[in-house]
Every structure is written in C-alpha cells, then in structure tokens.
PDB file of N, CA and C in Angstrom:
ATOM      1  N   MET A   1     -39.552 -32.923  11.886  1.00  0.00           N
ATOM      2  CA  MET A   1     -38.920 -34.143  12.472  1.00  0.00           C
ATOM      3  C   MET A   1     -37.412 -33.953  12.509  1.00  0.00           C
ATOM      4  N   HIS A   2     -36.863 -34.340  13.612  1.00  0.00           N
ATOM      5  CA  HIS A   2     -35.423 -34.311  13.848  1.00  0.00           C
ATOM      6  C   HIS A   2     -34.730 -35.635  13.430  1.00  0.00           C
ATOM      7  N   LYS A   3     -33.680 -35.582  12.765  1.00  0.00           N
ATOM      8  CA  LYS A   3     -32.885 -36.749  12.360  1.00  0.00           C
ATOM      9  C   LYS A   3     -31.556 -36.669  13.071  1.00  0.00           C
ATOM     10  N   SER A   4     -31.070 -37.768  13.440  1.00  0.00           N
ATOM     11  CA  SER A   4     -29.767 -37.949  14.075  1.00  0.00           C
ATOM     12  C   SER A   4     -28.914 -38.889  13.243  1.00  0.00           C
ATOM     13  N   GLU A   5     -27.632 -38.701  13.198  1.00  0.00           N
ATOM     14  CA  GLU A   5     -26.794 -39.555  12.429  1.00  0.00           C
ATOM     15  C   GLU A   5     -25.631 -40.021  13.280  1.00  0.00           C
ATOM     16  N   ILE A   6     -25.297 -41.293  13.174  1.00  0.00           N
ATOM     17  CA  ILE A   6     -24.101 -41.869  13.748  1.00  0.00           C
ATOM     18  C   ILE A   6     -23.285 -42.384  12.642  1.00  0.00           C
ATOM     19  N   ARG A   7     -22.050 -41.967  12.588  1.00  0.00           N
ATOM     20  CA  ARG A   7     -21.153 -42.329  11.495  1.00  0.00           C
ATOM     21  C   ARG A   7     -19.930 -43.099  12.017  1.00  0.00           C
ATOM     22  N   ILE A   8     -19.596 -44.150  11.262  1.00  0.00           N
ATOM     23  CA  ILE A   8     -18.358 -44.945  11.633  1.00  0.00           C
ATOM     24  C   ILE A   8     -17.426 -44.923  10.428  1.00  0.00           C
ATOM     25  N   ASP A   9     -16.248 -44.458  10.659  1.00  0.00           N
ATOM     26  CA  ASP A   9     -15.241 -44.440   9.605  1.00  0.00           C
ATOM     27  C   ASP A   9     -14.148 -45.501   9.920  1.00  0.00           C
ATOM     28  N   ILE A  10     -13.819 -46.304   8.909  1.00  0.00           N
ATOM     29  CA  ILE A  10     -12.895 -47.404   9.136  1.00  0.00           C
ATOM     30  C   ILE A  10     -11.782 -47.262   8.080  1.00  0.00           C
ATOM     31  N   GLU A  11     -10.513 -47.214   8.595  1.00  0.00           N
ATOM     32  CA  GLU A  11      -9.387 -47.276   7.744  1.00  0.00           C
ATOM     33  C   GLU A  11      -8.845 -48.643   7.735  1.00  0.00           C
ATOM     34  N   LEU A  12      -8.660 -49.228   6.513  1.00  0.00           N
ATOM     35  CA  LEU A  12      -8.213 -50.683   6.376  1.00  0.00           C
ATOM     36  C   LEU A  12      -6.848 -50.729   5.842  1.00  0.00           C
ATOM     37  N   ASP A  13      -6.092 -51.781   6.152  1.00  0.00           N
ATOM     38  CA  ASP A  13      -4.810 -51.982   5.585  1.00  0.00           C
ATOM     39  C   ASP A  13      -4.972 -52.709   4.235  1.00  0.00           C
ATOM     40  N   GLU A  14      -3.920 -53.097   3.618  1.00  0.00           N
ATOM     41  CA  GLU A  14      -3.972 -53.757   2.279  1.00  0.00           C
ATOM     42  C   GLU A  14      -4.698 -55.066   2.356  1.00  0.00           C
ATOM     43  N   ASN A  15      -4.846 -55.705   3.539  1.00  0.00           N
ATOM     44  CA  ASN A  15      -5.564 -57.021   3.683  1.00  0.00           C
ATOM     45  C   ASN A  15      -6.996 -56.726   4.148  1.00  0.00           C
ATOM     46  N   ARG A  16      -7.364 -55.493   4.218  1.00  0.00           N
ATOM     47  CA  ARG A  16      -8.718 -55.151   4.637  1.00  0.00           C
ATOM     48  C   ARG A  16      -8.932 -55.390   6.151  1.00  0.00           C
ATOM     49  N   ILE A  17      -7.869 -55.338   6.883  1.00  0.00           N
ATOM     50  CA  ILE A  17      -7.925 -55.395   8.399  1.00  0.00           C
ATOM     51  C   ILE A  17      -7.979 -53.956   8.927  1.00  0.00           C
ATOM     52  N   PRO A  18      -8.965 -53.727   9.870  1.00  0.00           N
ATOM     53  CA  PRO A  18      -9.052 -52.340  10.362  1.00  0.00           C
ATOM     54  C   PRO A  18      -7.788 -51.885  11.076  1.00  0.00           C
ATOM     55  N   GLU A  19      -7.343 -50.690  10.667  1.00  0.00           N
ATOM     56  CA  GLU A  19      -6.145 -50.086  11.341  1.00  0.00           C
ATOM     57  C   GLU A  19      -6.664 -48.932  12.216  1.00  0.00           C
ATOM     58  N   LYS A  20      -7.709 -48.246  11.807  1.00  0.00           N
ATOM     59  CA  LYS A  20      -8.267 -47.161  12.621  1.00  0.00           C
ATOM     60  C   LYS A  20      -9.773 -47.215  12.495  1.00  0.00           C
ATOM     61  N   LEU A  21     -10.374 -46.943  13.710  1.00  0.00           N
ATOM     62  CA  LEU A  21     -11.837 -46.832  13.749  1.00  0.00           C
ATOM     63  C   LEU A  21     -12.135 -45.429  14.344  1.00  0.00           C
ATOM     64  N   LYS A  22     -13.031 -44.715  13.727  1.00  0.00           N
ATOM     65  CA  LYS A  22     -13.414 -43.432  14.329  1.00  0.00           C
ATOM     66  C   LYS A  22     -14.933 -43.412  14.163  1.00  0.00           C
ATOM     67  N   TRP A  23     -15.553 -42.723  15.183  1.00  0.00           N
ATOM     68  CA  TRP A  23     -16.994 -42.553  15.134  1.00  0.00           C
ATOM     69  C   TRP A  23     -17.453 -41.141  15.466  1.00  0.00           C
ATOM     70  N   THR A  24     -18.583 -40.795  14.920  1.00  0.00           N
ATOM     71  CA  THR A  24     -19.151 -39.475  15.156  1.00  0.00           C
ATOM     72  C   THR A  24     -20.636 -39.608  15.521  1.00  0.00           C
ATOM     73  N   ALA A  25     -21.069 -38.972  16.506  1.00  0.00           N
ATOM     74  CA  ALA A  25     -22.489 -38.896  16.915  1.00  0.00           C
ATOM     75  C   ALA A  25     -22.662 -37.436  17.450  1.00  0.00           C
ATOM     76  N   LYS A  26     -22.890 -36.553  16.549  1.00  0.00           N
ATOM     77  CA  LYS A  26     -22.912 -35.093  16.895  1.00  0.00           C
ATOM     78  C   LYS A  26     -23.990 -34.792  17.990  1.00  0.00           C
ATOM     79  N   ASP A  27     -25.109 -35.449  17.916  1.00  0.00           N
ATOM     80  CA  ASP A  27     -26.148 -35.192  18.999  1.00  0.00           C
ATOM     81  C   ASP A  27     -25.626 -35.624  20.381  1.00  0.00           C
ATOM     82  N   GLY A  28     -24.636 -36.594  20.456  1.00  0.00           N
ATOM     83  CA  GLY A  28     -24.100 -37.057  21.646  1.00  0.00           C
ATOM     84  C   GLY A  28     -22.793 -36.332  21.983  1.00  0.00           C
ATOM     85  N   GLY A  29     -22.406 -35.358  21.148  1.00  0.00           N
ATOM     86  CA  GLY A  29     -21.184 -34.588  21.460  1.00  0.00           C
ATOM     87  C   GLY A  29     -19.915 -35.329  21.035  1.00  0.00           C
ATOM     88  N   VAL A  30     -20.022 -36.294  20.185  1.00  0.00           N
ATOM     89  CA  VAL A  30     -18.848 -37.099  19.778  1.00  0.00           C
ATOM     90  C   VAL A  30     -18.544 -36.729  18.304  1.00  0.00           C
ATOM     91  N   GLU A  31     -17.311 -36.338  18.042  1.00  0.00           N
ATOM     92  CA  GLU A  31     -16.901 -35.975  16.713  1.00  0.00           C
ATOM     93  C   GLU A  31     -15.541 -36.604  16.384  1.00  0.00           C
ATOM     94  N   ASN A  32     -15.535 -37.527  15.448  1.00  0.00           N
ATOM     95  CA  ASN A  32     -14.365 -38.171  14.925  1.00  0.00           C
ATOM     96  C   ASN A  32     -13.489 -38.767  16.069  1.00  0.00           C
ATOM     97  N   GLN A  33     -14.092 -39.398  17.051  1.00  0.00           N
ATOM     98  CA  GLN A  33     -13.451 -39.968  18.177  1.00  0.00           C
ATOM     99  C   GLN A  33     -12.856 -41.348  17.803  1.00  0.00           C
ATOM    100  N   GLU A  34     -11.550 -41.516  17.991  1.00  0.00           N
ATOM    101  CA  GLU A  34     -10.925 -42.794  17.712  1.00  0.00           C
ATOM    102  C   GLU A  34     -11.289 -43.840  18.767  1.00  0.00           C
ATOM    103  N   THR A  35     -11.423 -45.084  18.302  1.00  0.00           N
ATOM    104  CA  THR A  35     -11.716 -46.227  19.180  1.00  0.00           C
ATOM    105  C   THR A  35     -10.935 -47.385  18.660  1.00  0.00           C
ATOM    106  N   LYS A  36     -10.773 -48.415  19.472  1.00  0.00           N
ATOM    107  CA  LYS A  36     -10.066 -49.611  19.062  1.00  0.00           C
ATOM    108  C   LYS A  36     -10.954 -50.760  18.771  1.00  0.00           C
ATOM    109  N   ALA A  37     -12.224 -50.706  19.186  1.00  0.00           N
ATOM    110  CA  ALA A  37     -13.154 -51.830  18.940  1.00  0.00           C
ATOM    111  C   ALA A  37     -14.555 -51.313  18.991  1.00  0.00           C
ATOM    112  N   MET A  38     -15.449 -52.042  18.282  1.00  0.00           N
ATOM    113  CA  MET A  38     -16.921 -51.748  18.261  1.00  0.00           C
ATOM    114  C   MET A  38     -17.713 -53.010  18.001  1.00  0.00           C
ATOM    115  N   LEU A  39     -18.847 -53.054  18.583  1.00  0.00           N
ATOM    116  CA  LEU A  39     -19.824 -54.114  18.372  1.00  0.00           C
ATOM    117  C   LEU A  39     -21.189 -53.403  18.022  1.00  0.00           C
ATOM    118  N   LEU A  40     -21.726 -53.748  16.896  1.00  0.00           N
ATOM    119  CA  LEU A  40     -23.012 -53.114  16.499  1.00  0.00           C
ATOM    120  C   LEU A  40     -23.961 -54.262  16.131  1.00  0.00           C
ATOM    121  N   SER A  41     -25.171 -54.218  16.778  1.00  0.00           N
ATOM    122  CA  SER A  41     -26.189 -55.177  16.416  1.00  0.00           C
ATOM    123  C   SER A  41     -27.417 -54.418  15.993  1.00  0.00           C
ATOM    124  N   VAL A  42     -28.100 -54.905  15.026  1.00  0.00           N
ATOM    125  CA  VAL A  42     -29.347 -54.409  14.541  1.00  0.00           C
ATOM    126  C   VAL A  42     -30.380 -55.555  14.364  1.00  0.00           C
ATOM    127  N   TRP A  43     -31.628 -55.244  14.562  1.00  0.00           N
ATOM    128  CA  TRP A  43     -32.664 -56.305  14.439  1.00  0.00           C
ATOM    129  C   TRP A  43     -33.334 -56.195  13.094  1.00  0.00           C
ATOM    130  N   ASP A  44     -33.296 -57.345  12.385  1.00  0.00           N
ATOM    131  CA  ASP A  44     -34.034 -57.422  11.104  1.00  0.00           C
ATOM    132  C   ASP A  44     -35.349 -57.997  11.374  1.00  0.00           C
ATOM    133  N   ASN A  45     -36.355 -57.151  11.327  1.00  0.00           N
ATOM    134  CA  ASN A  45     -37.727 -57.583  11.661  1.00  0.00           C
ATOM    135  C   ASN A  45     -38.341 -58.572  10.670  1.00  0.00           C
ATOM    136  N   LYS A  46     -37.902 -58.518   9.454  1.00  0.00           N
ATOM    137  CA  LYS A  46     -38.424 -59.433   8.465  1.00  0.00           C
ATOM    138  C   LYS A  46     -37.917 -60.856   8.659  1.00  0.00           C
ATOM    139  N   THR A  47     -36.638 -61.003   8.909  1.00  0.00           N
ATOM    140  CA  THR A  47     -36.099 -62.380   9.104  1.00  0.00           C
ATOM    141  C   THR A  47     -36.043 -62.786  10.548  1.00  0.00           C
ATOM    142  N   LYS A  48     -36.421 -61.854  11.426  1.00  0.00           N
ATOM    143  CA  LYS A  48     -36.437 -62.157  12.891  1.00  0.00           C
ATOM    144  C   LYS A  48     -35.035 -62.631  13.368  1.00  0.00           C
ATOM    145  N   GLU A  49     -34.015 -61.873  13.001  1.00  0.00           N
ATOM    146  CA  GLU A  49     -32.667 -62.188  13.420  1.00  0.00           C
ATOM    147  C   GLU A  49     -31.845 -60.921  13.623  1.00  0.00           C
ATOM    148  N   SER A  50     -30.852 -60.989  14.509  1.00  0.00           N
ATOM    149  CA  SER A  50     -29.945 -59.858  14.635  1.00  0.00           C
ATOM    150  C   SER A  50     -28.817 -59.980  13.608  1.00  0.00           C
ATOM    151  N   LEU A  51     -28.395 -58.790  13.151  1.00  0.00           N
ATOM    152  CA  LEU A  51     -27.322 -58.647  12.236  1.00  0.00           C
ATOM    153  C   LEU A  51     -26.225 -57.871  12.940  1.00  0.00           C
ATOM    154  N   ARG A  52     -24.967 -58.219  12.687  1.00  0.00           N
ATOM    155  CA  ARG A  52     -23.885 -57.697  13.513  1.00  0.00           C
ATOM    156  C   ARG A  52     -22.715 -57.139  12.619  1.00  0.00           C
ATOM    157  N   ILE A  53     -22.079 -56.218  13.239  1.00  0.00           N
ATOM    158  CA  ILE A  53     -20.787 -55.761  12.700  1.00  0.00           C
ATOM    159  C   ILE A  53     -19.857 -55.688  13.942  1.00  0.00           C
ATOM    160  N   ASP A  54     -18.895 -56.526  13.949  1.00  0.00           N
ATOM    161  CA  ASP A  54     -17.938 -56.645  15.059  1.00  0.00           C
ATOM    162  C   ASP A  54     -16.565 -56.241  14.445  1.00  0.00           C
ATOM    163  N   LEU A  55     -15.970 -55.144  14.898  1.00  0.00           N
ATOM    164  CA  LEU A  55     -14.676 -54.745  14.336  1.00  0.00           C
ATOM    165  C   LEU A  55     -13.743 -54.368  15.485  1.00  0.00           C
ATOM    166  N   TRP A  56     -12.472 -54.619  15.295  1.00  0.00           N
ATOM    167  CA  TRP A  56     -11.421 -54.149  16.180  1.00  0.00           C
ATOM    168  C   TRP A  56     -10.183 -53.956  15.366  1.00  0.00           C
ATOM    169  N   THR A  57      -9.387 -52.994  15.842  1.00  0.00           N
ATOM    170  CA  THR A  57      -8.173 -52.708  15.158  1.00  0.00           C
ATOM    171  C   THR A  57      -7.100 -53.768  15.471  1.00  0.00           C
ATOM    172  N   LYS A  58      -6.160 -53.919  14.606  1.00  0.00           N
ATOM    173  CA  LYS A  58      -5.135 -54.927  14.840  1.00  0.00           C
ATOM    174  C   LYS A  58      -4.229 -54.675  16.037  1.00  0.00           C
ATOM    175  N   ASP A  59      -4.241 -53.407  16.511  1.00  0.00           N
ATOM    176  CA  ASP A  59      -3.457 -53.058  17.672  1.00  0.00           C
ATOM    177  C   ASP A  59      -4.344 -53.003  18.955  1.00  0.00           C
ATOM    178  N   MET A  60      -5.551 -53.577  18.944  1.00  0.00           N
ATOM    179  CA  MET A  60      -6.373 -53.598  20.104  1.00  0.00           C
ATOM    180  C   MET A  60      -5.743 -54.725  21.074  1.00  0.00           C
ATOM    181  N   PRO A  61      -5.284 -54.282  22.257  1.00  0.00           N
ATOM    182  CA  PRO A  61      -4.701 -55.269  23.212  1.00  0.00           C
ATOM    183  C   PRO A  61      -5.754 -56.323  23.662  1.00  0.00           C
ATOM    184  N   VAL A  62      -5.277 -57.525  23.778  1.00  0.00           N
ATOM    185  CA  VAL A  62      -6.209 -58.585  24.235  1.00  0.00           C
ATOM    186  C   VAL A  62      -6.724 -58.364  25.600  1.00  0.00           C
ATOM    187  N   ASP A  63      -5.872 -57.823  26.521  1.00  0.00           N
ATOM    188  CA  ASP A  63      -6.363 -57.560  27.885  1.00  0.00           C
ATOM    189  C   ASP A  63      -7.500 -56.549  27.863  1.00  0.00           C
ATOM    190  N   GLU A  64      -7.393 -55.507  26.971  1.00  0.00           N
ATOM    191  CA  GLU A  64      -8.431 -54.517  26.869  1.00  0.00           C
ATOM    192  C   GLU A  64      -9.698 -55.106  26.192  1.00  0.00           C
ATOM    193  N   MET A  65      -9.505 -56.037  25.250  1.00  0.00           N
ATOM    194  CA  MET A  65     -10.643 -56.678  24.614  1.00  0.00           C
ATOM    195  C   MET A  65     -11.513 -57.450  25.604  1.00  0.00           C
ATOM    196  N   LYS A  66     -10.768 -58.118  26.555  1.00  0.00           N
ATOM    197  CA  LYS A  66     -11.463 -58.862  27.623  1.00  0.00           C
ATOM    198  C   LYS A  66     -12.324 -57.912  28.493  1.00  0.00           C
ATOM    199  N   ILE A  67     -11.742 -56.794  28.823  1.00  0.00           N
ATOM    200  CA  ILE A  67     -12.471 -55.749  29.660  1.00  0.00           C
ATOM    201  C   ILE A  67     -13.671 -55.225  28.800  1.00  0.00           C
ATOM    202  N   PHE A  68     -13.408 -54.951  27.549  1.00  0.00           N
ATOM    203  CA  PHE A  68     -14.462 -54.416  26.678  1.00  0.00           C
ATOM    204  C   PHE A  68     -15.628 -55.397  26.613  1.00  0.00           C
ATOM    205  N   PHE A  69     -15.298 -56.699  26.410  1.00  0.00           N
ATOM    206  CA  PHE A  69     -16.406 -57.673  26.408  1.00  0.00           C
ATOM    207  C   PHE A  69     -17.127 -57.778  27.684  1.00  0.00           C
ATOM    208  N   HIS A  70     -16.458 -57.707  28.839  1.00  0.00           N
ATOM    209  CA  HIS A  70     -17.075 -57.772  30.125  1.00  0.00           C
ATOM    210  C   HIS A  70     -18.019 -56.607  30.302  1.00  0.00           C
ATOM    211  N   GLN A  71     -17.522 -55.396  30.033  1.00  0.00           N
ATOM    212  CA  GLN A  71     -18.415 -54.175  30.176  1.00  0.00           C
ATOM    213  C   GLN A  71     -19.573 -54.247  29.213  1.00  0.00           C
ATOM    214  N   THR A  72     -19.381 -54.811  28.051  1.00  0.00           N
ATOM    215  CA  THR A  72     -20.468 -54.889  27.050  1.00  0.00           C
ATOM    216  C   THR A  72     -21.545 -55.909  27.596  1.00  0.00           C
ATOM    217  N   LEU A  73     -21.118 -57.016  28.145  1.00  0.00           N
ATOM    218  CA  LEU A  73     -22.046 -58.021  28.724  1.00  0.00           C
ATOM    219  C   LEU A  73     -22.838 -57.362  29.808  1.00  0.00           C
ATOM    220  N   VAL A  74     -22.187 -56.587  30.737  1.00  0.00           N
ATOM    221  CA  VAL A  74     -22.834 -55.984  31.831  1.00  0.00           C
ATOM    222  C   VAL A  74     -23.884 -54.916  31.311  1.00  0.00           C
ATOM    223  N   ALA A  75     -23.482 -54.179  30.285  1.00  0.00           N
ATOM    224  CA  ALA A  75     -24.404 -53.223  29.720  1.00  0.00           C
ATOM    225  C   ALA A  75     -25.611 -53.882  29.016  1.00  0.00           C
ATOM    226  N   MET A  76     -25.324 -55.091  28.399  1.00  0.00           N
ATOM    227  CA  MET A  76     -26.406 -55.798  27.771  1.00  0.00           C
ATOM    228  C   MET A  76     -27.406 -56.325  28.798  1.00  0.00           C
ATOM    229  N   SER A  77     -26.913 -56.715  29.975  1.00  0.00           N
ATOM    230  CA  SER A  77     -27.877 -57.166  30.992  1.00  0.00           C
ATOM    231  C   SER A  77     -28.713 -56.009  31.537  1.00  0.00           C
ATOM    232  N   ASP A  78     -28.136 -54.825  31.624  1.00  0.00           N
ATOM    233  CA  ASP A  78     -28.864 -53.703  32.052  1.00  0.00           C
ATOM    234  C   ASP A  78     -29.930 -53.286  30.959  1.00  0.00           C
ATOM    235  N   THR A  79     -29.494 -53.309  29.674  1.00  0.00           N
ATOM    236  CA  THR A  79     -30.444 -53.025  28.660  1.00  0.00           C
ATOM    237  C   THR A  79     -31.565 -54.052  28.592  1.00  0.00           C
ATOM    238  N   PHE A  80     -31.221 -55.335  28.771  1.00  0.00           N
ATOM    239  CA  PHE A  80     -32.231 -56.390  28.780  1.00  0.00           C
ATOM    240  C   PHE A  80     -33.289 -56.120  29.833  1.00  0.00           C
ATOM    241  N   TYR A  81     -32.813 -55.730  31.016  1.00  0.00           N
ATOM    242  CA  TYR A  81     -33.795 -55.403  32.068  1.00  0.00           C
ATOM    243  C   TYR A  81     -34.682 -54.255  31.700  1.00  0.00           C
ATOM    244  N   LYS A  82     -34.044 -53.134  31.198  1.00  0.00           N
ATOM    245  CA  LYS A  82     -34.847 -51.969  30.791  1.00  0.00           C
ATOM    246  C   LYS A  82     -35.866 -52.348  29.742  1.00  0.00           C
ATOM    247  N   ALA A  83     -35.546 -53.217  28.794  1.00  0.00           N
ATOM    248  CA  ALA A  83     -36.435 -53.557  27.712  1.00  0.00           C
ATOM    249  C   ALA A  83     -37.476 -54.544  28.064  1.00  0.00           C
ATOM    250  N   THR A  84     -37.231 -55.384  29.096  1.00  0.00           N
ATOM    251  CA  THR A  84     -38.155 -56.528  29.416  1.00  0.00           C
ATOM    252  C   THR A  84     -38.716 -56.471  30.810  1.00  0.00           C
ATOM    253  N   GLN A  85     -38.005 -55.810  31.733  1.00  0.00           N
ATOM    254  CA  GLN A  85     -38.405 -55.795  33.158  1.00  0.00           C
ATOM    255  C   GLN A  85     -38.311 -57.177  33.754  1.00  0.00           C
ATOM    256  N   ASP A  86     -37.500 -58.097  33.124  1.00  0.00           N
ATOM    257  CA  ASP A  86     -37.355 -59.486  33.630  1.00  0.00           C
ATOM    258  C   ASP A  86     -36.225 -59.461  34.592  1.00  0.00           C
ATOM    259  N   GLU A  87     -36.555 -59.357  35.895  1.00  0.00           N
ATOM    260  CA  GLU A  87     -35.571 -59.310  36.950  1.00  0.00           C
ATOM    261  C   GLU A  87     -34.807 -60.580  37.120  1.00  0.00           C
ATOM    262  N   LYS A  88     -35.435 -61.678  36.984  1.00  0.00           N
ATOM    263  CA  LYS A  88     -34.789 -62.967  37.221  1.00  0.00           C
ATOM    264  C   LYS A  88     -33.782 -63.258  36.182  1.00  0.00           C
ATOM    265  N   MET A  89     -34.083 -63.062  34.896  1.00  0.00           N
ATOM    266  CA  MET A  89     -33.088 -63.333  33.873  1.00  0.00           C
ATOM    267  C   MET A  89     -31.972 -62.250  33.888  1.00  0.00           C
ATOM    268  N   SER A  90     -32.332 -61.065  34.234  1.00  0.00           N
ATOM    269  CA  SER A  90     -31.309 -60.009  34.274  1.00  0.00           C
ATOM    270  C   SER A  90     -30.312 -60.333  35.356  1.00  0.00           C
ATOM    271  N   ALA A  91     -30.797 -60.808  36.539  1.00  0.00           N
ATOM    272  CA  ALA A  91     -29.892 -61.209  37.626  1.00  0.00           C
ATOM    273  C   ALA A  91     -29.003 -62.409  37.163  1.00  0.00           C
ATOM    274  N   THR A  92     -29.601 -63.298  36.428  1.00  0.00           N
ATOM    275  CA  THR A  92     -28.822 -64.478  35.922  1.00  0.00           C
ATOM    276  C   THR A  92     -27.724 -63.966  34.988  1.00  0.00           C
ATOM    277  N   MET A  93     -28.010 -63.022  34.193  1.00  0.00           N
ATOM    278  CA  MET A  93     -27.056 -62.471  33.285  1.00  0.00           C
ATOM    279  C   MET A  93     -25.947 -61.774  34.054  1.00  0.00           C
ATOM    280  N   LYS A  94     -26.286 -61.075  35.126  1.00  0.00           N
ATOM    281  CA  LYS A  94     -25.280 -60.423  35.918  1.00  0.00           C
ATOM    282  C   LYS A  94     -24.417 -61.463  36.615  1.00  0.00           C
ATOM    283  N   ASP A  95     -25.015 -62.560  37.035  1.00  0.00           N
ATOM    284  CA  ASP A  95     -24.208 -63.636  37.659  1.00  0.00           C
ATOM    285  C   ASP A  95     -23.183 -64.149  36.646  1.00  0.00           C
ATOM    286  N   PHE A  96     -23.619 -64.305  35.350  1.00  0.00           N
ATOM    287  CA  PHE A  96     -22.686 -64.748  34.361  1.00  0.00           C
ATOM    288  C   PHE A  96     -21.529 -63.706  34.136  1.00  0.00           C
ATOM    289  N   CYS A  97     -21.930 -62.453  34.180  1.00  0.00           N
ATOM    290  CA  CYS A  97     -20.905 -61.401  34.035  1.00  0.00           C
ATOM    291  C   CYS A  97     -19.877 -61.489  35.155  1.00  0.00           C
ATOM    292  N   ASP A  98     -20.294 -61.789  36.385  1.00  0.00           N
ATOM    293  CA  ASP A  98     -19.380 -61.926  37.506  1.00  0.00           C
ATOM    294  C   ASP A  98     -18.509 -63.154  37.275  1.00  0.00           C
ATOM    295  N   TYR A  99     -19.047 -64.236  36.776  1.00  0.00           N
ATOM    296  CA  TYR A  99     -18.316 -65.440  36.526  1.00  0.00           C
ATOM    297  C   TYR A  99     -17.224 -65.168  35.418  1.00  0.00           C
ATOM    298  N   PHE A 100     -17.727 -64.512  34.382  1.00  0.00           N
ATOM    299  CA  PHE A 100     -16.852 -64.113  33.244  1.00  0.00           C
ATOM    300  C   PHE A 100     -15.561 -63.374  33.739  1.00  0.00           C
ATOM    301  N   ALA A 101     -15.896 -62.316  34.571  1.00  0.00           N
ATOM    302  CA  ALA A 101     -14.816 -61.468  35.100  1.00  0.00           C
ATOM    303  C   ALA A 101     -13.889 -62.338  35.994  1.00  0.00           C
ATOM    304  N   GLU A 102     -14.495 -63.171  36.855  1.00  0.00           N
ATOM    305  CA  GLU A 102     -13.687 -64.007  37.735  1.00  0.00           C
ATOM    306  C   GLU A 102     -12.728 -64.923  36.876  1.00  0.00           C
ATOM    307  N   LYS A 103     -13.275 -65.590  35.923  1.00  0.00           N
ATOM    308  CA  LYS A 103     -12.471 -66.592  35.117  1.00  0.00           C
ATOM    309  C   LYS A 103     -11.385 -65.851  34.288  1.00  0.00           C
ATOM    310  N   LEU A 104     -11.631 -64.612  33.953  1.00  0.00           N
ATOM    311  CA  LEU A 104     -10.610 -63.873  33.177  1.00  0.00           C
ATOM    312  C   LEU A 104      -9.718 -63.052  34.128  1.00  0.00           C
ATOM    313  N   GLU A 105     -10.022 -63.157  35.414  1.00  0.00           N
ATOM    314  CA  GLU A 105      -9.252 -62.524  36.428  1.00  0.00           C
ATOM    315  C   GLU A 105      -9.228 -60.974  36.210  1.00  0.00           C
ATOM    316  N   LEU A 106     -10.392 -60.436  35.896  1.00  0.00           N
ATOM    317  CA  LEU A 106     -10.488 -59.024  35.697  1.00  0.00           C
ATOM    318  C   LEU A 106     -10.837 -58.345  37.046  1.00  0.00           C
ATOM    319  N   GLU A 107     -10.208 -57.154  37.255  1.00  0.00           N
ATOM    320  CA  GLU A 107     -10.514 -56.423  38.421  1.00  0.00           C
ATOM    321  C   GLU A 107     -11.808 -55.737  38.215  1.00  0.00           C
ATOM    322  N   GLN A 108     -12.827 -55.922  39.120  1.00  0.00           N
ATOM    323  CA  GLN A 108     -14.061 -55.241  38.991  1.00  0.00           C
ATOM    324  C   GLN A 108     -14.136 -53.983  39.818  1.00  0.00           C
ATOM    325  N   LYS A 109     -14.695 -52.977  39.231  1.00  0.00           N
ATOM    326  CA  LYS A 109     -14.814 -51.708  39.903  1.00  0.00           C
ATOM    327  C   LYS A 109     -16.170 -51.511  40.537  1.00  0.00           C
TER     328      LYS A 109
END
C-alpha cells in the first residue's frame, strides 16, 4: 500500500498569530512552499459535521484574501458537481460566485 503525506508547518509570533505558513506534498511535487493563507476542511463521519482549520498570515493582503475566497468558492462549486453530479445546484453556486466577484469588484479571468 502506498501512503502519501501532506504537511503544514506554521510559524507563530508571541501572540500565536501565524507569521509563516509552509506546506509540503511530495507526491504533488510541493516541498516547503510558502503560502499566505489556507483553508482545510475534513468530514467527521461520527458527528456528521465538517471540521476546519482556517489560517492566514498577518501580512496576507485583504485584496488577495478576497481573490483567494472567490477562487476557493469557484473550486468548491466544481468539486460539488464532481461529487454529486447536481448540475442545477452547481450552476446556482457559480451564479453566487459571479455575484461575489461583482460585489467585491474583482476582475474575473
């Protein structure tokens, strides 16, 4: 059996605020790559709820955080479709992503 590991290293300041985030996923070709923000969700099958770790460094620019959230929402709608094949709800989620980008005045590519 093959095992794969994803590692997240967090450097905190004296107030336990993230100063640096780095992640490694060797199977994906990523080694000690610095990032400014991350969102991680896992499903707890026993309690039937999602558990989350949301981290960002104190120097993460707000304008980049808005773009990060928009791209994450778009990716979630794609993943939702792949997981459920629910075209109608997936399209509704995409509509919200467009609305989100419009209200934040994000340039869409």
